[in-house]
Amino acid sequence: MVHKFKSVYVPKPDISVDESLIAYKGRLSWKQYIPQKRARFGIKLFQLCESESGYIWNSLIYTGKGTAFNENYNDYGLSTKSVLTLIHELKGKGYCLSTDNFYTSPELAELLIDKKTDICGTLRPNRKGLPVSFKSSTLKKGEIIAFQKGKMCVLKWKDKNPLHMLSTFHNADMMEVKAKKGDSVKLKPKAVVFYNNSMGGVDRSDQCLSYYPLLPEINSENTTRRFFDIC
């Protein structure tokens, strides 16, 4: 299926990587629990989707230690090698990747820069390779601090809560954004605005798939019998 997904469509420049969950409540050693997902229990997949349409271009089933990552990336941690495996065939083609804080790191950013691929995502402040003051600095609402290393920029911006970001094609520039309610205008970092617009590819694909369920929920002893009845 993944081979077909790749062969029939070329994704637009903005892509995103995130987790998806196939609902499953039966016995399975690598079944996952993700409270943020609608199903909560099921089979976890790492997915690469086009940001605009949610088209699933590449997918990788997580089976614990036996997960089939690309052997070229076995020396890296889980988050880094999962992204590199998904984007392996798109590297060097000018794509821009959006990731959440589970995947984003200076290590991943440097690897992608070498392959002419950009990245923008939220960032955990305890990642290796970040300035010491990046985590410890205290900001007032609306304030921002940023550090630049070559193409890579890490920034911390205080809205209601502190937000940490990493981008290889943004700096600390701000832009005006209309509030969701009313006509008021507020300033946000351009990196944050871009991330909010491009990160939802996997969520969009999950939403589209929820409209067309193929099988009844797999959570009863009659699953096999009902499956053959459908066929």
Foldseek 3Di string as FASTA:
>chain_A
DLVVLQPPDDADQFKEKDKDFDAADDDDPQWAADPVDPNRTGWIKIFIFRQPQLRTNHIWTDRDPPTDFDPVCPVDDPLLRSVCRRCVVVFLVQHEYEYEAVNDAPVSQVVRVVRNYKYKYWHDPPGPPDDPCQPVDDDDAQDKDWDDDQQKIWMWHHHVHITIMIISHFYQDWDWDADPDDGDIDIDGPSVVVNVSGHCSNVSNVVVVVVPDDADRHDDPCRVVVVVVVD
